[in-house]
Amino acid sequence: MSGAEAGLVVAERFFRSFESGDFQTLERILAVDAKIWHNDGNGEQSRADNLETLKLIHANIESYAGRFPTAMSAAWR
């Protein structure tokens, strides 16, 4: 598996974990010292703050079915 393919596998795991509300897996995927940048003018977000944001988003959207392509689909290439 190439580095690019491995990255796609991690991306798919991230999105599937988010869809299912598996925040323990999301926490394991994100590096402890991760800084998440947003283009909203508020700069970087810590890993802990990002996980809380993801939980809020997940709790307020009714369904994620079909919202994310699979990592190996043409949409990711």
N, C-alpha and C. Protein backbone atom coordinates (compact mmCIF):
# COMPACT_ATOMS: atom_id res chain seq x y z
N MET A 1 0.86 -1.17 0.00
CA MET A 1 0.00 0.00 0.00
C MET A 1 0.90 1.23 0.00
N SER A 2 0.60 2.17 -0.88
CA SER A 2 1.40 3.40 -0.95
C SER A 2 1.05 4.32 0.22
N GLY A 3 1.89 5.33 0.41
CA GLY A 3 1.63 6.31 1.46
C GLY A 3 0.31 7.03 1.24
N ALA A 4 0.02 7.34 -0.03
CA ALA A 4 -1.24 8.03 -0.35
C ALA A 4 -2.43 7.14 -0.02
N GLU A 5 -2.34 5.87 -0.36
CA GLU A 5 -3.43 4.94 -0.06
C GLU A 5 -3.61 4.78 1.44
N ALA A 6 -2.51 4.72 2.17
CA ALA A 6 -2.59 4.61 3.63
C ALA A 6 -3.27 5.84 4.22
N GLY A 7 -2.96 7.01 3.67
CA GLY A 7 -3.61 8.24 4.12
C GLY A 7 -5.11 8.21 3.87
N LEU A 8 -5.51 7.66 2.73
CA LEU A 8 -6.94 7.55 2.41
C LEU A 8 -7.64 6.60 3.36
N VAL A 9 -6.96 5.54 3.75
CA VAL A 9 -7.55 4.59 4.71
C VAL A 9 -7.79 5.29 6.05
N VAL A 10 -6.83 6.09 6.49
CA VAL A 10 -6.99 6.82 7.75
C VAL A 10 -8.14 7.83 7.62
N ALA A 11 -8.21 8.52 6.48
CA ALA A 11 -9.29 9.49 6.26
C ALA A 11 -10.65 8.80 6.32
N GLU A 12 -10.75 7.66 5.68
CA GLU A 12 -12.02 6.94 5.71
C GLU A 12 -12.36 6.50 7.13
N ARG A 13 -11.37 6.01 7.85
CA ARG A 13 -11.59 5.60 9.24
C ARG A 13 -12.07 6.79 10.08
N PHE A 14 -11.48 7.96 9.85
CA PHE A 14 -11.88 9.18 10.55
C PHE A 14 -13.35 9.50 10.28
N PHE A 15 -13.73 9.54 8.99
CA PHE A 15 -15.11 9.90 8.65
C PHE A 15 -16.11 8.85 9.12
N ARG A 16 -15.78 7.58 9.00
CA ARG A 16 -16.69 6.52 9.47
C ARG A 16 -16.85 6.60 10.99
N SER A 17 -15.79 6.91 11.69
CA SER A 17 -15.87 7.06 13.15
C SER A 17 -16.76 8.24 13.51
N PHE A 18 -16.60 9.34 12.78
CA PHE A 18 -17.45 10.51 13.02
C PHE A 18 -18.91 10.18 12.75
N GLU A 19 -19.17 9.54 11.61
CA GLU A 19 -20.55 9.19 11.25
C GLU A 19 -21.23 8.37 12.34
N SER A 20 -20.49 7.42 12.91
CA SER A 20 -21.08 6.51 13.89
C SER A 20 -21.00 7.05 15.32
N GLY A 21 -20.36 8.20 15.50
CA GLY A 21 -20.23 8.76 16.85
C GLY A 21 -19.19 8.06 17.70
N ASP A 22 -18.23 7.42 17.05
CA ASP A 22 -17.16 6.70 17.76
C ASP A 22 -16.02 7.67 18.07
N PHE A 23 -16.20 8.45 19.11
CA PHE A 23 -15.23 9.50 19.44
C PHE A 23 -13.97 8.95 20.09
N GLN A 24 -14.03 7.75 20.63
CA GLN A 24 -12.80 7.13 21.15
C GLN A 24 -11.83 6.85 20.01
N THR A 25 -12.36 6.37 18.88
CA THR A 25 -11.49 6.13 17.72
C THR A 25 -10.97 7.44 17.16
N LEU A 26 -11.83 8.46 17.09
CA LEU A 26 -11.37 9.77 16.62
C LEU A 26 -10.24 10.29 17.49
N GLU A 27 -10.37 10.11 18.79
CA GLU A 27 -9.33 10.56 19.71
C GLU A 27 -8.01 9.83 19.46
N ARG A 28 -8.09 8.54 19.12
CA ARG A 28 -6.88 7.77 18.82
C ARG A 28 -6.27 8.19 17.48
N ILE A 29 -7.09 8.60 16.54
CA ILE A 29 -6.58 9.00 15.22
C ILE A 29 -5.82 10.33 15.31
N LEU A 30 -6.35 11.28 16.06
CA LEU A 30 -5.72 12.60 16.16
C LEU A 30 -4.49 12.55 17.07
N ALA A 31 -3.40 13.10 16.61
CA ALA A 31 -2.18 13.16 17.43
C ALA A 31 -2.45 13.99 18.69
N VAL A 32 -1.80 13.63 19.78
CA VAL A 32 -2.00 14.32 21.05
C VAL A 32 -1.72 15.82 20.92
N ASP A 33 -0.73 16.18 20.12
CA ASP A 33 -0.37 17.59 19.96
C ASP A 33 -0.94 18.20 18.67
N ALA A 34 -1.98 17.58 18.12
CA ALA A 34 -2.58 18.07 16.88
C ALA A 34 -3.10 19.49 17.05
N LYS A 35 -2.94 20.28 16.01
CA LYS A 35 -3.52 21.62 15.93
C LYS A 35 -4.37 21.63 14.67
N ILE A 36 -5.65 21.91 14.82
CA ILE A 36 -6.58 21.89 13.69
C ILE A 36 -6.84 23.33 13.28
N TRP A 37 -6.52 23.63 12.03
CA TRP A 37 -6.68 24.98 11.51
C TRP A 37 -8.04 25.11 10.83
N HIS A 38 -8.70 26.23 11.07
CA HIS A 38 -9.97 26.54 10.42
C HIS A 38 -9.83 27.87 9.71
N ASN A 39 -10.48 28.01 8.59
CA ASN A 39 -10.38 29.25 7.82
C ASN A 39 -11.45 30.26 8.23
N ASP A 40 -11.85 30.24 9.49
CA ASP A 40 -12.88 31.15 9.98
C ASP A 40 -12.29 32.38 10.69
N GLY A 41 -10.98 32.52 10.63
CA GLY A 41 -10.34 33.65 11.26
C GLY A 41 -10.00 33.46 12.73
N ASN A 42 -10.36 32.30 13.27
CA ASN A 42 -10.09 32.02 14.69
C ASN A 42 -8.83 31.20 14.91
N GLY A 43 -8.07 30.96 13.86
CA GLY A 43 -6.79 30.27 14.00
C GLY A 43 -6.91 28.79 14.27
N GLU A 44 -6.01 28.30 15.11
CA GLU A 44 -5.91 26.86 15.38
C GLU A 44 -6.80 26.44 16.54
N GLN A 45 -7.14 25.16 16.52
CA GLN A 45 -7.93 24.56 17.58
C GLN A 45 -7.16 23.37 18.12
N SER A 46 -7.16 23.19 19.42
CA SER A 46 -6.47 22.05 20.02
C SER A 46 -7.23 20.76 19.72
N ARG A 47 -6.57 19.65 19.92
CA ARG A 47 -7.19 18.34 19.74
C ARG A 47 -8.44 18.22 20.61
N ALA A 48 -8.32 18.59 21.89
CA ALA A 48 -9.46 18.48 22.82
C ALA A 48 -10.62 19.36 22.38
N ASP A 49 -10.31 20.59 21.98
CA ASP A 49 -11.37 21.50 21.52
C ASP A 49 -12.01 20.98 20.24
N ASN A 50 -11.20 20.42 19.34
CA ASN A 50 -11.75 19.89 18.10
C ASN A 50 -12.66 18.70 18.36
N LEU A 51 -12.28 17.83 19.27
CA LEU A 51 -13.14 16.68 19.59
C LEU A 51 -14.47 17.16 20.17
N GLU A 52 -14.45 18.19 21.00
CA GLU A 52 -15.69 18.74 21.54
C GLU A 52 -16.55 19.34 20.43
N THR A 53 -15.91 20.04 19.49
CA THR A 53 -16.63 20.60 18.35
C THR A 53 -17.27 19.50 17.52
N LEU A 54 -16.52 18.44 17.26
CA LEU A 54 -17.05 17.32 16.47
C LEU A 54 -18.24 16.67 17.18
N LYS A 55 -18.17 16.57 18.50
CA LYS A 55 -19.30 16.00 19.27
C LYS A 55 -20.54 16.88 19.14
N LEU A 56 -20.35 18.20 19.21
CA LEU A 56 -21.49 19.12 19.06
C LEU A 56 -22.10 19.03 17.67
N ILE A 57 -21.24 18.99 16.66
CA ILE A 57 -21.74 18.87 15.28
C ILE A 57 -22.51 17.57 15.13
N HIS A 58 -21.92 16.48 15.61
CA HIS A 58 -22.56 15.17 15.48
C HIS A 58 -23.92 15.15 16.16
N ALA A 59 -24.02 15.77 17.32
CA ALA A 59 -25.27 15.76 18.08
C ALA A 59 -26.36 16.59 17.41
N ASN A 60 -25.98 17.50 16.53
CA ASN A 60 -26.95 18.42 15.94
C ASN A 60 -27.28 18.17 14.48
N ILE A 61 -26.75 17.11 13.91
CA ILE A 61 -27.10 16.74 12.54
C ILE A 61 -27.77 15.38 12.59
N GLU A 62 -28.93 15.29 11.99
CA GLU A 62 -29.76 14.10 12.12
C GLU A 62 -29.15 12.85 11.49
N SER A 63 -28.59 12.98 10.30
CA SER A 63 -28.10 11.79 9.62
C SER A 63 -26.85 12.11 8.80
N TYR A 64 -25.93 11.18 8.79
CA TYR A 64 -24.70 11.33 8.01
C TYR A 64 -24.67 10.36 6.83
N ALA A 65 -25.70 9.57 6.69
CA ALA A 65 -25.73 8.55 5.64
C ALA A 65 -25.49 9.18 4.27
N GLY A 66 -24.48 8.68 3.59
CA GLY A 66 -24.18 9.11 2.24
C GLY A 66 -23.52 10.47 2.12
N ARG A 67 -23.17 11.10 3.21
CA ARG A 67 -22.56 12.43 3.15
C ARG A 67 -21.08 12.40 2.78
N PHE A 68 -20.40 11.31 3.11
CA PHE A 68 -18.97 11.23 2.86
C PHE A 68 -18.68 10.11 1.87
N PRO A 69 -17.86 10.39 0.86
CA PRO A 69 -17.48 9.31 -0.06
C PRO A 69 -16.55 8.34 0.65
N THR A 70 -16.46 7.13 0.14
CA THR A 70 -15.48 6.22 0.71
C THR A 70 -14.10 6.66 0.24
N ALA A 71 -13.09 6.38 1.03
CA ALA A 71 -11.74 6.84 0.74
C ALA A 71 -11.21 6.31 -0.58
N MET A 72 -11.63 5.15 -0.97
CA MET A 72 -11.11 4.56 -2.20
C MET A 72 -11.96 4.90 -3.43
N SER A 73 -13.02 5.69 -3.24
CA SER A 73 -13.87 6.03 -4.38
C SER A 73 -13.19 7.08 -5.25
N ALA A 74 -13.72 7.27 -6.42
CA ALA A 74 -13.16 8.23 -7.37
C ALA A 74 -13.19 9.66 -6.82
N ALA A 75 -14.11 9.95 -5.91
CA ALA A 75 -14.21 11.30 -5.35
C ALA A 75 -12.96 11.71 -4.59
N TRP A 76 -12.19 10.74 -4.12
CA TRP A 76 -10.99 11.04 -3.34
C TRP A 76 -9.73 11.04 -4.19
N ARG A 77 -9.85 10.73 -5.44
CA ARG A 77 -8.64 10.62 -6.28
C ARG A 77 -8.42 11.84 -7.12
